[in-house]
């Protein structure tokens, strides 16, 4: 069995995926690796760009170790992103409340004689 870690390009927040494949085909002349899987008596081929493969090994323990390292980093980074989203949400709420308060203040003085607003004539 071969163990693969592959980059997930344009799939944020997931940046990698790991899988096992019983067989693969590769060539130094080709920029792809073909992974072969057996499913219901059919051979399924998955083409993966060589540049997207992070690890290809037969060592399951090493594969699992690297996968865990990546998962730990991903989890830590996701916590930072989640906290940033919470802060952004608070900031957006504050922004909206502040702007509506400012607009409401203006609407209260808009009808004053010293405010050159044509709406009062409509």
Protein backbone atom coordinates (compact mmCIF):
# COMPACT_ATOMS: atom_id res chain seq x y z
CA UNK A 1 0.00 0.00 0.00
CA UNK A 2 1.17 3.53 -0.81
CA UNK A 3 0.32 6.53 1.32
CA UNK A 4 -0.09 9.96 -0.20
CA UNK A 5 -0.43 13.49 1.10
CA UNK A 6 -1.62 15.88 -1.56
CA UNK A 7 -2.08 19.65 -1.57
CA UNK A 8 -5.65 20.81 -1.87
CA UNK A 9 -5.27 23.71 -4.27
CA UNK A 10 -8.02 26.36 -4.07
CA UNK A 11 -9.98 24.39 -1.45
CA UNK A 12 -9.56 26.57 1.64
CA UNK A 13 -9.76 26.01 4.53
CA UNK A 14 -8.60 22.51 3.67
CA UNK A 15 -5.03 22.66 2.36
CA UNK A 16 -4.14 18.97 2.17
CA UNK A 17 -5.65 15.52 1.91
CA UNK A 18 -4.23 12.12 2.73
CA UNK A 19 -5.15 8.78 1.21
CA UNK A 20 -3.92 5.27 0.61
CA UNK A 21 -3.60 3.77 -2.86
CA UNK A 22 -2.77 0.16 -3.69
CA UNK A 23 -0.92 1.10 -6.88
CA UNK A 24 0.42 4.05 -8.81
CA UNK A 25 1.98 4.76 -12.20
CA UNK A 26 4.59 7.46 -12.66
CA UNK A 27 7.10 8.48 -15.25
CA UNK A 28 9.94 10.98 -15.23
CA UNK A 29 8.61 12.26 -18.56
CA UNK A 30 5.13 12.99 -17.19
CA UNK A 31 4.02 15.71 -14.78
CA UNK A 32 1.28 13.52 -13.32
CA UNK A 33 1.06 10.45 -11.15
CA UNK A 34 -1.83 8.07 -11.75
CA UNK A 35 -3.22 6.40 -8.64
CA UNK A 36 -5.17 3.21 -9.23
CA UNK A 37 -8.01 2.15 -6.95
CA UNK A 38 -10.25 -0.91 -7.05
CA UNK A 39 -13.95 -0.25 -6.53
CA UNK A 40 -16.63 -2.87 -7.18
CA UNK A 41 -14.41 -4.84 -9.57
CA UNK A 42 -13.55 -1.68 -11.53
CA UNK A 43 -10.21 0.08 -11.67
CA UNK A 44 -10.51 3.78 -11.00
CA UNK A 45 -7.69 6.10 -12.02
CA UNK A 46 -7.04 9.42 -10.31
CA UNK A 47 -4.55 11.76 -11.96
CA UNK A 48 -2.60 13.98 -9.59
CA UNK A 49 -0.12 16.66 -10.58
CA UNK A 50 3.35 15.76 -9.35
CA UNK A 51 3.74 19.31 -8.02
CA UNK A 52 0.71 18.79 -5.73
CA UNK A 53 2.09 15.67 -4.04
CA UNK A 54 3.66 16.43 -0.69
CA UNK A 55 4.46 12.85 0.31
CA UNK A 56 4.38 9.44 -1.38
CA UNK A 57 5.56 6.63 0.84
CA UNK A 58 5.07 3.00 1.79
CA UNK A 59 5.76 3.82 5.44
CA UNK A 60 2.33 4.06 7.09
CA UNK A 61 3.69 5.23 10.44
CA UNK A 62 5.62 8.09 8.85
CA UNK A 63 2.55 9.02 6.78
CA UNK A 64 0.40 9.12 9.92
CA UNK A 65 3.02 11.17 11.77
CA UNK A 66 3.20 13.80 9.01
CA UNK A 67 -0.59 13.86 8.65
CA UNK A 68 -0.93 14.51 12.40
CA UNK A 69 1.62 17.34 12.22
CA UNK A 70 -0.32 18.94 9.38
CA UNK A 71 -3.64 18.47 11.19
CA UNK A 72 -2.23 20.05 14.37
CA UNK A 73 -0.98 23.10 12.47
CA UNK A 74 -4.24 23.33 10.52
CA UNK A 75 -6.25 23.18 13.74
CA UNK A 76 -4.15 25.90 15.38
CA UNK A 77 -4.47 28.12 12.32
CA UNK A 78 -8.20 27.49 12.11
CA UNK A 79 -8.58 28.70 15.72
CA UNK A 80 -6.80 31.95 14.76
CA UNK A 81 -9.08 32.36 11.73
CA UNK A 82 -12.19 31.66 13.82
CA UNK A 83 -11.14 34.27 16.38
CA UNK A 84 -10.45 36.78 13.61
CA UNK A 85 -13.93 36.11 12.19
CA UNK A 86 -15.44 36.79 15.62
CA UNK A 87 -13.51 40.05 15.88
CA UNK A 88 -14.53 41.05 12.37
CA UNK A 89 -18.17 40.33 13.20
CA UNK A 90 -17.90 42.53 16.33
CA UNK A 91 -16.26 45.29 14.30
CA UNK A 92 -18.93 45.10 11.60
CA UNK A 93 -21.69 45.25 14.23
CA UNK A 94 -19.99 48.24 15.87
CA UNK A 95 -19.54 49.92 12.47
CA UNK A 96 -23.20 49.45 11.59
CA UNK A 97 -24.46 50.68 14.97
CA UNK A 98 -22.19 53.73 14.85
CA UNK A 99 -23.19 54.65 11.31
CA UNK A 100 -26.93 54.25 12.01
CA UNK A 101 -26.57 56.37 15.15
CA UNK A 102 -24.85 59.07 13.09
CA UNK A 103 -27.54 58.89 10.39
CA UNK A 104 -30.31 59.08 13.02
CA UNK A 105 -28.68 62.14 14.59
CA UNK A 106 -28.58 63.85 11.23
CA UNK A 107 -32.19 62.97 10.45
CA UNK A 108 -33.20 64.68 13.71
CA UNK A 109 -31.55 67.97 12.68
CA UNK A 110 -32.32 67.76 8.96
CA UNK A 111 -35.53 69.79 9.24
CA UNK A 112 -33.80 72.69 11.01
CA UNK A 113 -33.83 76.02 9.20
CA UNK A 114 -30.02 76.20 9.06
CA UNK A 115 -29.69 72.83 7.23
CA UNK A 116 -29.78 73.29 3.42
CA UNK A 117 -31.71 70.09 2.67
CA UNK A 118 -34.35 70.13 -0.07
CA UNK A 119 -36.20 67.15 1.39
CA UNK A 120 -38.08 69.41 3.82
CA UNK A 121 -39.64 71.13 0.81
CA UNK A 122 -41.01 67.90 -0.66
